[in-house]
C-alpha atoms as a PDB file:
ATOM      1  CA  MET A   1     116.820  97.628  82.646  1.00  0.00           C
ATOM      2  CA  THR A   2     114.031  95.089  83.185  1.00  0.00           C
ATOM      3  CA  HIS A   3     111.684  96.112  80.267  1.00  0.00           C
ATOM      4  CA  ALA A   4     112.095  96.502  76.499  1.00  0.00           C
ATOM      5  CA  SER A   5     109.978  97.417  73.652  1.00  0.00           C
ATOM      6  CA  ALA A   6     108.991  94.432  71.376  1.00  0.00           C
ATOM      7  CA  ILE A   7     106.978  93.620  68.366  1.00  0.00           C
ATOM      8  CA  VAL A   8     104.188  91.273  69.369  1.00  0.00           C
ATOM      9  CA  PHE A   9     101.760  89.249  67.096  1.00  0.00           C
ATOM     10  CA  ASP A  10      98.738  89.286  69.398  1.00  0.00           C
ATOM     11  CA  ALA A  11      96.863  87.084  66.887  1.00  0.00           C
ATOM     12  CA  PRO A  12      97.176  86.349  63.151  1.00  0.00           C
ATOM     13  CA  SER A  13      97.398  89.571  61.198  1.00  0.00           C
ATOM     14  CA  THR A  14      97.212  91.663  64.535  1.00  0.00           C
ATOM     15  CA  LEU A  15     100.352  93.505  65.513  1.00  0.00           C
ATOM     16  CA  SER A  16     101.298  95.737  68.376  1.00  0.00           C
ATOM     17  CA  VAL A  17     104.529  97.314  69.838  1.00  0.00           C
ATOM     18  CA  LYS A  18     104.660  96.695  73.469  1.00  0.00           C
ATOM     19  CA  THR A  19     106.789  97.094  76.529  1.00  0.00           C
ATOM     20  CA  LEU A  20     107.537  93.718  77.980  1.00  0.00           C
ATOM     21  CA  GLU A  21     109.375  92.471  81.068  1.00  0.00           C
ATOM     22  CA  LEU A  22     112.779  90.702  80.285  1.00  0.00           C
ATOM     23  CA  LYS A  23     113.790  87.383  81.738  1.00  0.00           C
ATOM     24  CA  PRO A  24     116.197  87.619  84.614  1.00  0.00           C
ATOM     25  CA  PHE A  25     119.760  87.937  83.843  1.00  0.00           C
ATOM     26  CA  GLU A  26     121.807  84.729  84.492  1.00  0.00           C
ATOM     27  CA  THR A  27     125.589  84.012  84.813  1.00  0.00           C
ATOM     28  CA  ASP A  28     125.884  82.749  81.107  1.00  0.00           C
ATOM     29  CA  ASP A  29     123.783  85.532  79.677  1.00  0.00           C
ATOM     30  CA  LEU A  30     124.564  88.691  77.589  1.00  0.00           C
ATOM     31  CA  GLU A  31     122.317  91.799  77.514  1.00  0.00           C
ATOM     32  CA  VAL A  32     122.228  93.278  73.848  1.00  0.00           C
ATOM     33  CA  GLU A  33     120.956  96.691  72.789  1.00  0.00           C
ATOM     34  CA  VAL A  34     119.535  95.828  69.440  1.00  0.00           C
ATOM     35  CA  SER A  35     120.236  98.035  66.329  1.00  0.00           C
ATOM     36  CA  ALA A  36     118.372  96.070  63.655  1.00  0.00           C
ATOM     37  CA  SER A  37     116.192  93.107  63.148  1.00  0.00           C
ATOM     38  CA  GLY A  38     114.986  91.607  59.856  1.00  0.00           C
ATOM     39  CA  ILE A  39     111.637  90.273  58.763  1.00  0.00           C
ATOM     40  CA  SER A  40     111.522  86.725  57.414  1.00  0.00           C
ATOM     41  CA  THR A  41     109.320  86.137  54.493  1.00  0.00           C
ATOM     42  CA  GLY A  42     109.235  82.233  55.057  1.00  0.00           C
ATOM     43  CA  THR A  43     108.348  81.117  58.657  1.00  0.00           C
ATOM     44  CA  GLU A  44     107.483  84.539  59.880  1.00  0.00           C
ATOM     45  CA  ARG A  45     104.921  85.115  57.175  1.00  0.00           C
ATOM     46  CA  LEU A  46     103.157  81.872  58.241  1.00  0.00           C
ATOM     47  CA  LEU A  47     103.122  83.274  61.876  1.00  0.00           C
ATOM     48  CA  TRP A  48     101.736  86.516  60.539  1.00  0.00           C
ATOM     49  CA  ASP A  49      98.861  84.934  58.482  1.00  0.00           C
ATOM     50  CA  GLY A  50      98.207  82.200  60.917  1.00  0.00           C
ATOM     51  CA  THR A  51      99.180  79.251  58.605  1.00  0.00           C
ATOM     52  CA  MET A  52     102.102  78.038  60.597  1.00  0.00           C
ATOM     53  CA  PRO A  53     101.641  74.164  60.809  1.00  0.00           C
ATOM     54  CA  PRO A  54     101.409  73.296  64.828  1.00  0.00           C
ATOM     55  CA  PHE A  55     104.768  72.572  66.414  1.00  0.00           C
ATOM     56  CA  PRO A  56     106.059  72.653  70.199  1.00  0.00           C
ATOM     57  CA  GLY A  57     105.694  76.180  71.652  1.00  0.00           C
ATOM     58  CA  MET A  58     103.471  77.479  69.050  1.00  0.00           C
ATOM     59  CA  GLY A  59     100.721  80.043  70.077  1.00  0.00           C
ATOM     60  CA  TYR A  60      99.893  83.614  70.444  1.00  0.00           C
ATOM     61  CA  PRO A  61     100.811  86.323  71.564  1.00  0.00           C
ATOM     62  CA  LEU A  62     104.314  85.927  70.328  1.00  0.00           C
ATOM     63  CA  VAL A  63     107.397  87.906  69.678  1.00  0.00           C
ATOM     64  CA  PRO A  64     108.790  87.014  66.133  1.00  0.00           C
ATOM     65  CA  GLY A  65     112.242  87.476  64.665  1.00  0.00           C
ATOM     66  CA  TYR A  66     115.472  85.629  64.409  1.00  0.00           C
ATOM     67  CA  GLU A  67     117.571  87.988  62.407  1.00  0.00           C
ATOM     68  CA  THR A  68     118.854  90.379  64.940  1.00  0.00           C
ATOM     69  CA  VAL A  69     122.172  92.489  65.269  1.00  0.00           C
ATOM     70  CA  GLY A  70     123.163  94.667  68.187  1.00  0.00           C
ATOM     71  CA  THR A  71     125.745  95.744  70.724  1.00  0.00           C
ATOM     72  CA  VAL A  72     126.607  93.815  74.047  1.00  0.00           C
ATOM     73  CA  VAL A  73     126.058  96.168  76.973  1.00  0.00           C
ATOM     74  CA  ARG A  74     126.272  93.539  79.762  1.00  0.00           C
ATOM     75  CA  VAL A  75     128.017  90.202  80.215  1.00  0.00           C
ATOM     76  CA  GLY A  76     127.844  87.393  82.756  1.00  0.00           C
ATOM     77  CA  ALA A  77     130.774  85.526  84.092  1.00  0.00           C
ATOM     78  CA  THR A  78     131.186  83.125  81.226  1.00  0.00           C
ATOM     79  CA  GLY A  79     132.256  83.233  77.512  1.00  0.00           C
ATOM     80  CA  ASP A  80     134.531  85.372  75.495  1.00  0.00           C
ATOM     81  CA  ILE A  81     132.122  88.036  74.385  1.00  0.00           C
ATOM     82  CA  ARG A  82     132.905  91.480  75.686  1.00  0.00           C
ATOM     83  CA  VAL A  83     130.932  94.662  76.399  1.00  0.00           C
ATOM     84  CA  GLY A  84     130.882  96.847  73.110  1.00  0.00           C
ATOM     85  CA  ASP A  85     131.239  93.713  70.852  1.00  0.00           C
ATOM     86  CA  THR A  86     128.723  93.626  67.849  1.00  0.00           C
ATOM     87  CA  VAL A  87     126.843  90.296  67.721  1.00  0.00           C
ATOM     88  CA  PHE A  88     124.362  88.474  65.529  1.00  0.00           C
ATOM     89  CA  ILE A  89     121.468  86.904  67.622  1.00  0.00           C
ATOM     90  CA  PRO A  90     119.243  84.085  65.856  1.00  0.00           C
ATOM     91  CA  GLY A  91     116.240  84.774  68.395  1.00  0.00           C
ATOM     92  CA  SER A  92     115.957  84.691  71.982  1.00  0.00           C
ATOM     93  CA  TYR A  93     113.771  83.770  75.003  1.00  0.00           C
ATOM     94  CA  SER A  94     113.984  87.218  76.425  1.00  0.00           C
ATOM     95  CA  PHE A  95     110.425  88.236  77.028  1.00  0.00           C
ATOM     96  CA  LEU A  96     108.007  87.139  79.813  1.00  0.00           C
ATOM     97  CA  GLY A  97     104.141  86.793  79.443  1.00  0.00           C
ATOM     98  CA  VAL A  98     104.404  86.022  75.702  1.00  0.00           C
ATOM     99  CA  ARG A  99     105.766  83.209  73.406  1.00  0.00           C
ATOM    100  CA  ASN A 100     109.311  83.747  71.923  1.00  0.00           C
ATOM    101  CA  ILE A 101     108.796  82.515  68.463  1.00  0.00           C
ATOM    102  CA  PHE A 102     111.364  83.406  67.770  1.00  0.00           C
ATOM    103  CA  GLY A 103     111.975  86.261  70.169  1.00  0.00           C
ATOM    104  CA  GLY A 104     114.293  88.507  68.278  1.00  0.00           C
ATOM    105  CA  ALA A 105     112.167  91.702  67.320  1.00  0.00           C
ATOM    106  CA  GLY A 106     112.922  93.759  70.269  1.00  0.00           C
ATOM    107  CA  SER A 107     114.750  96.795  71.485  1.00  0.00           C
ATOM    108  CA  ARG A 108     117.015  94.959  74.021  1.00  0.00           C
ATOM    109  CA  LEU A 109     117.631  91.154  74.502  1.00  0.00           C
ATOM    110  CA  ILE A 110     118.958  88.893  77.110  1.00  0.00           C
ATOM    111  CA  VAL A 111     120.493  85.791  75.368  1.00  0.00           C
ATOM    112  CA  ALA A 112     122.937  83.066  76.406  1.00  0.00           C
ATOM    113  CA  HIS A 113     126.550  83.520  75.353  1.00  0.00           C
ATOM    114  CA  ASP A 114     126.454  80.408  73.078  1.00  0.00           C
ATOM    115  CA  ARG A 115     123.680  81.629  70.925  1.00  0.00           C
ATOM    116  CA  VAL A 116     125.319  84.561  69.542  1.00  0.00           C
ATOM    117  CA  VAL A 117     128.094  85.062  66.971  1.00  0.00           C
ATOM    118  CA  ARG A 118     130.505  87.998  67.138  1.00  0.00           C
ATOM    119  CA  VAL A 119     130.598  89.942  63.910  1.00  0.00           C
ATOM    120  CA  ALA A 120     132.848  92.776  62.503  1.00  0.00           C
ATOM    121  CA  PRO A 121     131.233  96.251  63.600  1.00  0.00           C
ATOM    122  CA  GLU A 122     131.637  97.464  60.148  1.00  0.00           C
ATOM    123  CA  LEU A 123     129.045  94.900  58.874  1.00  0.00           C
ATOM    124  CA  GLY A 124     126.488  96.943  60.652  1.00  0.00           C
ATOM    125  CA  PRO A 125     122.823  96.186  60.001  1.00  0.00           C
ATOM    126  CA  LYS A 126     123.686  93.851  57.160  1.00  0.00           C
ATOM    127  CA  ALA A 127     124.481  91.228  59.765  1.00  0.00           C
ATOM    128  CA  VAL A 128     120.705  90.477  59.940  1.00  0.00           C
ATOM    129  CA  LEU A 129     121.301  88.549  56.596  1.00  0.00           C
ATOM    130  CA  LEU A 130     123.460  85.968  58.260  1.00  0.00           C
ATOM    131  CA  ALA A 131     120.429  83.888  59.168  1.00  0.00           C
ATOM    132  CA  LEU A 132     119.251  83.468  55.737  1.00  0.00           C
ATOM    133  CA  ALA A 133     122.856  83.076  54.451  1.00  0.00           C
ATOM    134  CA  ALA A 134     123.331  80.248  56.881  1.00  0.00           C
ATOM    135  CA  THR A 135     120.050  78.685  55.752  1.00  0.00           C
ATOM    136  CA  CYS A 136     121.267  78.696  52.136  1.00  0.00           C
ATOM    137  CA  TYR A 137     124.676  77.139  53.139  1.00  0.00           C
ATOM    138  CA  HIS A 138     122.880  74.501  55.159  1.00  0.00           C
ATOM    139  CA  ALA A 139     120.944  73.409  52.133  1.00  0.00           C
ATOM    140  CA  VAL A 140     124.323  72.450  50.472  1.00  0.00           C
ATOM    141  CA  ALA A 141     126.607  71.634  53.545  1.00  0.00           C
ATOM    142  CA  PHE A 142     123.954  69.989  55.857  1.00  0.00           C
ATOM    143  CA  GLY A 143     125.647  71.545  58.779  1.00  0.00           C
ATOM    144  CA  GLY A 144     129.254  70.291  57.747  1.00  0.00           C
ATOM    145  CA  LEU A 145     127.966  66.689  57.594  1.00  0.00           C
ATOM    146  CA  ARG A 146     127.737  66.468  53.823  1.00  0.00           C
ATOM    147  CA  GLN A 147     131.225  66.118  52.302  1.00  0.00           C
ATOM    148  CA  PRO A 148     131.783  66.623  49.539  1.00  0.00           C
ATOM    149  CA  MET A 149     129.236  69.208  49.140  1.00  0.00           C
ATOM    150  CA  VAL A 150     127.142  69.073  45.852  1.00  0.00           C
ATOM    151  CA  PRO A 151     126.515  72.542  44.567  1.00  0.00           C
ATOM    152  CA  PRO A 152     123.255  73.498  42.952  1.00  0.00           C
ATOM    153  CA  ASP A 153     123.261  73.873  39.275  1.00  0.00           C
ATOM    154  CA  LEU A 154     119.718  75.280  39.341  1.00  0.00           C
ATOM    155  CA  ILE A 155     118.187  77.570  42.072  1.00  0.00           C
ATOM    156  CA  VAL A 156     114.492  78.264  41.838  1.00  0.00           C
ATOM    157  CA  GLY A 157     113.627  81.673  43.316  1.00  0.00           C
ATOM    158  CA  HIS A 158     115.578  84.932  42.978  1.00  0.00           C
ATOM    159  CA  GLY A 159     114.252  86.478  46.220  1.00  0.00           C
ATOM    160  CA  VAL A 160     116.925  87.211  48.966  1.00  0.00           C
ATOM    161  CA  MET A 161     117.551  83.470  49.582  1.00  0.00           C
ATOM    162  CA  GLY A 162     118.090  82.640  45.808  1.00  0.00           C
ATOM    163  CA  ARG A 163     120.410  85.582  45.623  1.00  0.00           C
ATOM    164  CA  LEU A 164     122.432  84.563  48.646  1.00  0.00           C
ATOM    165  CA  LEU A 165     122.696  81.072  47.607  1.00  0.00           C
ATOM    166  CA  ALA A 166     123.889  82.032  44.056  1.00  0.00           C
ATOM    167  CA  ARG A 167     126.474  84.355  45.726  1.00  0.00           C
ATOM    168  CA  ILE A 168     127.552  81.492  48.042  1.00  0.00           C
ATOM    169  CA  CYS A 169     128.167  79.273  45.090  1.00  0.00           C
ATOM    170  CA  LEU A 170     130.327  81.806  43.593  1.00  0.00           C
ATOM    171  CA  ALA A 171     132.199  82.677  46.817  1.00  0.00           C
ATOM    172  CA  GLN A 172     133.024  78.930  47.186  1.00  0.00           C
ATOM    173  CA  GLY A 173     134.486  78.920  43.545  1.00  0.00           C
ATOM    174  CA  TRP A 174     131.810  76.537  42.199  1.00  0.00           C
ATOM    175  CA  PRO A 175     130.200  76.973  38.767  1.00  0.00           C
ATOM    176  CA  ALA A 176     127.757  79.703  38.393  1.00  0.00           C
ATOM    177  CA  PRO A 177     124.168  78.414  38.945  1.00  0.00           C
ATOM    178  CA  THR A 178     121.115  79.075  36.748  1.00  0.00           C
ATOM    179  CA  VAL A 179     118.329  80.859  38.739  1.00  0.00           C
ATOM    180  CA  TRP A 180     114.726  80.674  37.723  1.00  0.00           C
ATOM    181  CA  GLU A 181     112.396  83.522  38.640  1.00  0.00           C
ATOM    182  CA  THR A 182     108.719  83.926  37.312  1.00  0.00           C
ATOM    183  CA  GLN A 183     108.356  87.592  38.653  1.00  0.00           C
ATOM    184  CA  PRO A 184     109.972  90.212  36.092  1.00  0.00           C
ATOM    185  CA  ALA A 185     110.553  92.455  39.024  1.00  0.00           C
ATOM    186  CA  ARG A 186     112.840  89.961  40.748  1.00  0.00           C
ATOM    187  CA  ARG A 187     114.795  88.968  37.750  1.00  0.00           C
ATOM    188  CA  GLY A 188     117.271  91.881  37.922  1.00  0.00           C
ATOM    189  CA  GLY A 189     120.241  92.235  40.153  1.00  0.00           C
ATOM    190  CA  ALA A 190     121.836  88.989  39.075  1.00  0.00           C
ATOM    191  CA  THR A 191     125.612  89.158  39.262  1.00  0.00           C
ATOM    192  CA  ASP A 192     127.865  86.748  37.385  1.00  0.00           C
ATOM    193  CA  TYR A 193     124.878  84.092  36.937  1.00  0.00           C
ATOM    194  CA  PRO A 194     121.948  83.933  34.694  1.00  0.00           C
ATOM    195  CA  CYS A 195     118.434  84.622  36.043  1.00  0.00           C
ATOM    196  CA  ILE A 196     115.792  83.513  33.639  1.00  0.00           C
ATOM    197  CA  HIS A 197     112.070  82.605  33.414  1.00  0.00           C
ATOM    198  CA  PRO A 198     111.628  78.780  33.571  1.00  0.00           C
ATOM    199  CA  ASP A 199     109.922  78.899  30.218  1.00  0.00           C
ATOM    200  CA  GLU A 200     113.256  80.177  28.760  1.00  0.00           C
ATOM    201  CA  ASP A 201     115.230  77.026  29.975  1.00  0.00           C
ATOM    202  CA  THR A 202     115.071  73.817  27.979  1.00  0.00           C
ATOM    203  CA  ARG A 203     117.810  72.162  30.027  1.00  0.00           C
ATOM    204  CA  LYS A 204     116.693  68.580  31.487  1.00  0.00           C
ATOM    205  CA  ASN A 205     119.984  67.331  33.050  1.00  0.00           C
ATOM    206  CA  TYR A 206     120.274  69.203  36.344  1.00  0.00           C
ATOM    207  CA  THR A 207     122.227  67.301  38.937  1.00  0.00           C
ATOM    208  CA  SER A 208     121.180  69.314  41.920  1.00  0.00           C
ATOM    209  CA  ILE A 209     118.087  71.571  42.061  1.00  0.00           C
ATOM    210  CA  VAL A 210     117.580  73.757  45.170  1.00  0.00           C
ATOM    211  CA  ASP A 211     114.022  75.354  45.527  1.00  0.00           C
ATOM    212  CA  VAL A 212     114.019  78.415  47.816  1.00  0.00           C
ATOM    213  CA  SER A 213     110.567  79.680  46.378  1.00  0.00           C
ATOM    214  CA  GLY A 214     108.373  77.660  48.883  1.00  0.00           C
ATOM    215  CA  ASP A 215     106.072  76.618  45.996  1.00  0.00           C
ATOM    216  CA  GLY A 216     105.273  72.955  46.552  1.00  0.00           C
ATOM    217  CA  SER A 217     103.060  72.812  43.346  1.00  0.00           C
ATOM    218  CA  ILE A 218     106.328  72.941  40.992  1.00  0.00           C
ATOM    219  CA  LEU A 219     107.709  69.688  42.372  1.00  0.00           C
ATOM    220  CA  ASN A 220     106.841  67.556  39.357  1.00  0.00           C
ATOM    221  CA  GLY A 221     108.183  70.051  37.019  1.00  0.00           C
ATOM    222  CA  LEU A 222     111.503  70.126  38.918  1.00  0.00           C
ATOM    223  CA  ILE A 223     111.845  66.369  38.985  1.00  0.00           C
ATOM    224  CA  SER A 224     111.239  66.413  35.216  1.00  0.00           C
ATOM    225  CA  ARG A 225     114.506  68.596  34.786  1.00  0.00           C
ATOM    226  CA  LEU A 226     116.706  66.321  36.733  1.00  0.00           C
ATOM    227  CA  ALA A 227     119.496  64.116  35.333  1.00  0.00           C
ATOM    228  CA  PRO A 228     119.522  60.492  36.215  1.00  0.00           C
ATOM    229  CA  GLY A 229     120.454  60.285  39.891  1.00  0.00           C
ATOM    230  CA  GLY A 230     119.841  63.912  40.509  1.00  0.00           C
ATOM    231  CA  GLU A 231     118.208  65.561  43.519  1.00  0.00           C
ATOM    232  CA  VAL A 232     115.847  68.174  44.378  1.00  0.00           C
ATOM    233  CA  VAL A 233     116.328  70.002  47.714  1.00  0.00           C
ATOM    234  CA  LEU A 234     113.546  71.594  49.380  1.00  0.00           C
ATOM    235  CA  ALA A 235     114.858  74.557  51.123  1.00  0.00           C
ATOM    236  CA  GLY A 236     111.812  76.716  51.357  1.00  0.00           C
ATOM    237  CA  PHE A 237     108.993  76.275  53.933  1.00  0.00           C
ATOM    238  CA  TYR A 238     105.840  74.563  52.794  1.00  0.00           C
ATOM    239  CA  LYS A 239     102.539  75.090  54.405  1.00  0.00           C
ATOM    240  CA  GLN A 240     100.752  72.535  52.108  1.00  0.00           C
ATOM    241  CA  ASP A 241     101.221  68.773  51.813  1.00  0.00           C
ATOM    242  CA  LEU A 242     103.679  67.989  49.078  1.00  0.00           C
ATOM    243  CA  GLY A 243     103.195  65.168  46.429  1.00  0.00           C
ATOM    244  CA  PHE A 244     104.772  64.134  43.211  1.00  0.00           C
ATOM    245  CA  ALA A 245     104.252  61.547  40.346  1.00  0.00           C
ATOM    246  CA  PHE A 246     106.082  58.440  41.185  1.00  0.00           C
ATOM    247  CA  ALA A 247     106.974  57.347  37.514  1.00  0.00           C
ATOM    248  CA  PRO A 248     109.055  60.355  36.517  1.00  0.00           C
ATOM    249  CA  ALA A 249     111.038  60.209  39.814  1.00  0.00           C
ATOM    250  CA  PHE A 250     111.476  56.399  39.383  1.00  0.00           C
ATOM    251  CA  MET A 251     112.814  56.865  35.811  1.00  0.00           C
ATOM    252  CA  ARG A 252     115.527  59.302  37.209  1.00  0.00           C
ATOM    253  CA  GLU A 253     116.206  57.418  40.397  1.00  0.00           C
ATOM    254  CA  ALA A 254     115.644  61.003  41.829  1.00  0.00           C
ATOM    255  CA  THR A 255     116.575  61.993  45.509  1.00  0.00           C
ATOM    256  CA  LEU A 256     114.289  64.303  47.392  1.00  0.00           C
ATOM    257  CA  ARG A 257     115.941  66.005  50.282  1.00  0.00           C
ATOM    258  CA  VAL A 258     114.543  68.530  52.825  1.00  0.00           C
ATOM    259  CA  ALA A 259     116.924  71.164  54.265  1.00  0.00           C
ATOM    260  CA  ALA A 260     115.895  72.166  57.578  1.00  0.00           C
ATOM    261  CA  GLN A 261     117.129  74.855  60.143  1.00  0.00           C
ATOM    262  CA  TRP A 262     120.889  75.823  59.916  1.00  0.00           C
ATOM    263  CA  LYS A 263     123.425  74.804  62.442  1.00  0.00           C
ATOM    264  CA  LYS A 264     126.143  76.909  64.127  1.00  0.00           C
ATOM    265  CA  HIS A 265     128.786  75.333  61.587  1.00  0.00           C
ATOM    266  CA  ASP A 266     126.702  76.910  58.776  1.00  0.00           C
ATOM    267  CA  LEU A 267     126.371  80.244  60.534  1.00  0.00           C
ATOM    268  CA  LEU A 268     130.271  80.424  61.310  1.00  0.00           C
ATOM    269  CA  ALA A 269     130.944  79.368  57.520  1.00  0.00           C
ATOM    270  CA  VAL A 270     129.052  82.200  56.057  1.00  0.00           C
ATOM    271  CA  THR A 271     130.255  84.654  58.705  1.00  0.00           C
ATOM    272  CA  ALA A 272     133.690  83.716  57.608  1.00  0.00           C
ATOM    273  CA  LEU A 273     132.897  84.098  53.854  1.00  0.00           C
ATOM    274  CA  VAL A 274     131.526  87.655  54.612  1.00  0.00           C
ATOM    275  CA  GLU A 275     134.239  88.896  56.755  1.00  0.00           C
ATOM    276  CA  SER A 276     136.793  87.648  54.113  1.00  0.00           C
ATOM    277  CA  GLY A 277     135.117  89.580  51.383  1.00  0.00           C
ATOM    278  CA  ALA A 278     134.207  86.467  49.365  1.00  0.00           C
ATOM    279  CA  LEU A 279     130.440  86.641  49.974  1.00  0.00           C
ATOM    280  CA  SER A 280     128.876  90.227  49.609  1.00  0.00           C
ATOM    281  CA  LEU A 281     125.676  91.239  51.426  1.00  0.00           C
ATOM    282  CA  GLU A 282     125.367  94.352  49.437  1.00  0.00           C
ATOM    283  CA  GLY A 283     122.034  95.309  47.775  1.00  0.00           C
ATOM    284  CA  LEU A 284     119.787  92.956  49.650  1.00  0.00           C
ATOM    285  CA  ILE A 285     118.250  95.082  52.172  1.00  0.00           C
ATOM    286  CA  THR A 286     115.912  97.189  50.144  1.00  0.00           C
ATOM    287  CA  HIS A 287     113.640  98.625  52.964  1.00  0.00           C
ATOM    288  CA  THR A 288     114.052  99.853  56.453  1.00  0.00           C
ATOM    289  CA  PHE A 289     111.225 101.140  58.793  1.00  0.00           C
ATOM    290  CA  ASP A 290     111.340 102.005  62.398  1.00  0.00           C
ATOM    291  CA  PRO A 291     109.353 100.081  64.959  1.00  0.00           C
ATOM    292  CA  GLY A 292     106.463 102.739  64.891  1.00  0.00           C
ATOM    293  CA  ARG A 293     105.595 101.509  61.501  1.00  0.00           C
ATOM    294  CA  ALA A 294     105.883  97.910  62.182  1.00  0.00           C
ATOM    295  CA  ARG A 295     102.527  96.964  60.699  1.00  0.00           C
ATOM    296  CA  GLU A 296     103.253  98.718  57.597  1.00  0.00           C
ATOM    297  CA  ALA A 297     106.734  96.999  57.409  1.00  0.00           C
ATOM    298  CA  TYR A 298     105.318  93.609  57.639  1.00  0.00           C
ATOM    299  CA  GLU A 299     102.686  94.336  54.955  1.00  0.00           C
ATOM    300  CA  VAL A 300     105.350  95.586  52.620  1.00  0.00           C
ATOM    301  CA  ALA A 301     107.711  92.682  53.409  1.00  0.00           C
ATOM    302  CA  PHE A 302     104.956  90.265  52.524  1.00  0.00           C
ATOM    303  CA  GLY A 303     103.147  91.931  49.610  1.00  0.00           C
ATOM    304  CA  ASP A 304     105.655  94.022  47.712  1.00  0.00           C
ATOM    305  CA  PRO A 305     107.752  91.947  45.261  1.00  0.00           C
ATOM    306  CA  GLN A 306     110.293  94.665  45.115  1.00  0.00           C
ATOM    307  CA  CYS A 307     111.105  94.232  48.813  1.00  0.00           C
ATOM    308  CA  LEU A 308     113.815  91.585  49.105  1.00  0.00           C
ATOM    309  CA  LYS A 309     114.445  92.324  52.836  1.00  0.00           C
ATOM    310  CA  MET A 310     112.753  94.517  55.280  1.00  0.00           C
ATOM    311  CA  MET A 311     114.728  95.675  58.300  1.00  0.00           C
ATOM    312  CA  ILE A 312     113.414  97.266  61.405  1.00  0.00           C
ATOM    313  CA  ASN A 313     115.748  99.975  62.834  1.00  0.00           C
ATOM    314  CA  TRP A 314     115.617  99.872  66.656  1.00  0.00           C
ATOM    315  CA  ARG A 315     117.881 102.850  66.876  1.00  0.00           C
ATOM    316  CA  ALA A 316     115.583 105.273  64.973  1.00  0.00           C
END
């Protein structure tokens, strides 16, 4: 097969599902029949509304998506992946004639062996959550470079990332963090950790605050809640310039740290946690649409507070 269906952002807020030509198959490649792909409400939202800051490779038309799971149907001569294996794919460069940013929202992908991770077949579509779980883990582990890891005692935001990070803390045997959430519709679903409105919290001695809300306007408020020597980790994606008052940060000798894209170490670590049963992915995929309803799927994913994670079912 030389063609596949894919979701294409032709321009900001303009979407179509097209049949695109696939890149030539090479020796170190796999061909994967996609079962499901997720919609990111962070970077993918910025691609959708046209507010993504410029970076190399940016441009339209583009194929989004970096949360994909499928079945291997063809293998090259290298690697240990076999036909029939279930794999997680963090994006691809499969499609010709468009930008692949991040190239995972298609019915069939051609991707290098070393980009995929084999997952248990019974994990099924929930494997689309592994990218977000790895992002959360990276905020604490820094790709395995931060030892010992400093777990958050406050997480800001109870969307899918906030829930995953709180669950990772518990799976690692760390103390249960407090989670802040301003939207009443999202404060439910906390398991074994408190999820409260910030106004209900009077604590001002947090040692590690991880923000997954992407709201840069709350930085001063977070710094004011730190203990001396504490840190704020920025684990969301912020389209506006960030700023903070120096004096409160000075008084606390605060650290501000930016958590960027996860590394392979993070992905392997969370995959092991999931497959051991320590980390649950249940209850996080709240909506599933087929590709024919792709535009509606993006609108719901970005506009409905009840939607934690939107999944596209490519086998519908």
